[in-house]
Amino acid sequence: MSIEAELRAATAPTSTGRRRDAVLAALEIFRVLDVGITTNNIVTFLYLCENEGISVTELAALAGLNPATASRSIRSLAAPGARWSLPPHLGLIEVLGYGASRNSKTLRLTPLGVEVRDRINALIEQGVRIET
């Protein structure tokens, strides 16, 4: 299915006739990836989308997470074959072993991560608001 078709489906009327707003449609994108995805995983991913190339420490500070929580989220967002990834192994980010210090790790999006980011950006541009 094309991204455009997925976006139409994500914001189409539900069985009650109400369209999904952009926020709910974005959350549905994450739920399709894995029904057990956590809020910390989503927040970590979204901060990385806005700050690609930052370190684990910088991401933890930006996201307001302690370093251990940020590390767990990053590991969950990594691909299954990554050396230290954790379930659900979403494959959205990769960890590169270079940075300012010897132990510093730089983060970037994988092609799947870029695709998810672009879908969410398209939803935001479409601008379906929460109906009151």
Protein backbone atom coordinates (compact mmCIF):
# COMPACT_ATOMS: atom_id res chain seq x y z
CA MET A 1 0.00 0.00 0.00
CA SER A 2 1.34 3.47 -0.86
CA ILE A 3 2.03 6.06 1.81
CA GLU A 4 -0.82 8.18 0.43
CA ALA A 5 -3.25 5.24 0.71
CA GLU A 6 -2.08 4.55 4.27
CA LEU A 7 -2.61 8.20 5.18
CA ARG A 8 -6.12 8.17 3.74
CA ALA A 9 -6.88 4.99 5.68
CA ALA A 10 -5.36 6.41 8.87
CA THR A 11 -7.58 9.50 8.77
CA ALA A 12 -10.67 7.91 7.21
CA PRO A 13 -13.93 7.81 9.12
CA THR A 14 -14.11 5.01 11.66
CA SER A 15 -17.17 2.83 12.19
CA THR A 16 -18.69 5.67 14.24
CA GLY A 17 -18.20 8.07 11.33
CA ARG A 18 -15.46 10.14 12.97
CA ARG A 19 -12.10 10.70 11.28
CA ARG A 20 -8.88 10.07 13.16
CA ASP A 21 -6.98 13.24 13.95
CA ALA A 22 -3.30 13.54 13.07
CA VAL A 23 -2.12 12.56 16.56
CA LEU A 24 -4.24 9.41 16.71
CA ALA A 25 -3.29 8.46 13.16
CA ALA A 26 0.41 8.83 14.08
CA LEU A 27 -0.07 6.61 17.13
CA GLU A 28 -1.74 4.03 14.87
CA ILE A 29 1.42 3.99 12.72
CA PHE A 30 3.43 3.06 15.82
CA ARG A 31 0.86 0.47 16.92
CA VAL A 32 1.11 -1.23 13.52
CA LEU A 33 4.87 -1.53 14.07
CA ASP A 34 4.34 -3.21 17.45
CA VAL A 35 1.30 -3.22 19.72
CA GLY A 36 3.56 -3.15 22.78
CA ILE A 37 5.47 0.01 21.84
CA THR A 38 5.91 2.28 24.85
CA THR A 39 5.49 6.00 25.23
CA ASN A 40 9.21 6.27 25.97
CA ASN A 41 9.98 4.47 22.69
CA ILE A 42 7.77 6.88 20.76
CA VAL A 43 9.20 9.96 22.49
CA THR A 44 12.76 8.73 21.92
CA PHE A 45 12.06 8.12 18.23
CA LEU A 46 10.42 11.53 17.72
CA TYR A 47 13.27 13.39 19.43
CA LEU A 48 15.75 11.54 17.23
CA CYS A 49 13.72 12.50 14.15
CA GLU A 50 14.25 16.15 15.07
CA ASN A 51 17.90 15.74 16.10
CA GLU A 52 19.45 13.05 13.95
CA GLY A 53 23.15 12.51 14.63
CA ILE A 54 23.03 13.27 18.36
CA SER A 55 24.51 11.10 21.07
CA VAL A 56 22.67 8.84 23.50
CA THR A 57 23.45 11.26 26.34
CA GLU A 58 22.13 14.25 24.40
CA LEU A 59 18.97 12.37 23.45
CA ALA A 60 18.34 11.41 27.08
CA ALA A 61 18.64 15.04 28.14
CA LEU A 62 16.38 16.30 25.33
CA ALA A 63 13.71 13.69 25.99
CA GLY A 64 13.81 14.21 29.75
CA LEU A 65 14.72 10.57 30.36
CA ASN A 66 17.39 9.20 32.63
CA PRO A 67 20.27 7.61 30.70
CA ALA A 68 19.22 4.03 31.52
CA THR A 69 15.66 4.58 30.29
CA ALA A 70 16.89 6.32 27.14
CA SER A 71 19.30 3.46 26.50
CA ARG A 72 16.53 0.85 26.84
CA SER A 73 14.32 2.80 24.43
CA ILE A 74 17.13 3.18 21.92
CA ARG A 75 17.91 -0.53 22.15
CA SER A 76 14.23 -1.35 21.55
CA LEU A 77 14.17 0.89 18.48
CA ALA A 78 17.26 -0.81 16.98
CA ALA A 79 17.15 -3.59 14.41
CA PRO A 80 16.99 -7.26 15.47
CA GLY A 81 20.53 -7.91 14.26
CA ALA A 82 22.06 -5.02 16.19
CA ARG A 83 24.60 -6.13 18.74
CA TRP A 84 22.76 -4.99 21.83
CA SER A 85 19.16 -4.50 20.68
CA LEU A 86 16.20 -5.45 22.83
CA PRO A 87 12.68 -6.57 21.92
CA PRO A 88 10.61 -5.42 20.13
CA HIS A 89 13.57 -4.75 17.76
CA LEU A 90 11.67 -2.15 15.72
CA GLY A 91 14.52 -1.39 13.31
CA LEU A 92 13.88 2.37 13.28
CA ILE A 93 17.30 3.58 14.39
CA GLU A 94 20.92 2.58 14.23
CA VAL A 95 23.68 3.27 16.69
CA LEU A 96 27.03 4.27 15.28
CA GLY A 97 30.13 3.75 17.36
CA TYR A 98 31.74 7.10 16.91
CA GLY A 99 31.36 10.44 18.59
CA ALA A 100 33.15 12.98 20.71
CA SER A 101 34.59 10.39 23.11
CA ARG A 102 35.63 6.77 22.79
CA ASN A 103 32.41 5.49 24.37
CA SER A 104 30.15 8.00 22.62
CA LYS A 105 27.47 6.61 20.33
CA THR A 106 25.80 8.59 17.55
CA LEU A 107 22.21 7.85 16.56
CA ARG A 108 20.54 8.03 13.17
CA LEU A 109 17.40 6.76 11.48
CA THR A 110 17.36 3.61 9.37
CA PRO A 111 15.50 3.62 6.02
CA LEU A 112 12.43 2.28 7.89
CA GLY A 113 12.83 5.05 10.47
CA VAL A 114 12.93 7.64 7.68
CA GLU A 115 9.77 6.13 6.18
CA VAL A 116 7.92 6.28 9.52
CA ARG A 117 9.13 9.86 10.08
CA ASP A 118 7.92 10.85 6.62
CA ARG A 119 4.49 9.27 7.23
CA ILE A 120 4.12 11.20 10.46
CA ASN A 121 5.24 14.43 8.79
CA ALA A 122 2.63 13.89 6.07
CA LEU A 123 -0.06 13.43 8.72
CA ILE A 124 1.00 16.68 10.40
CA GLU A 125 0.95 18.52 7.07
CA GLN A 126 -2.50 17.13 6.38
CA GLY A 127 -3.53 18.73 9.65
CA VAL A 128 -6.61 16.77 10.69
CA ARG A 129 -7.54 18.29 14.04
CA ILE A 130 -9.25 16.72 17.03
CA GLU A 131 -12.95 17.40 16.70
CA THR A 132 -14.70 18.84 19.71
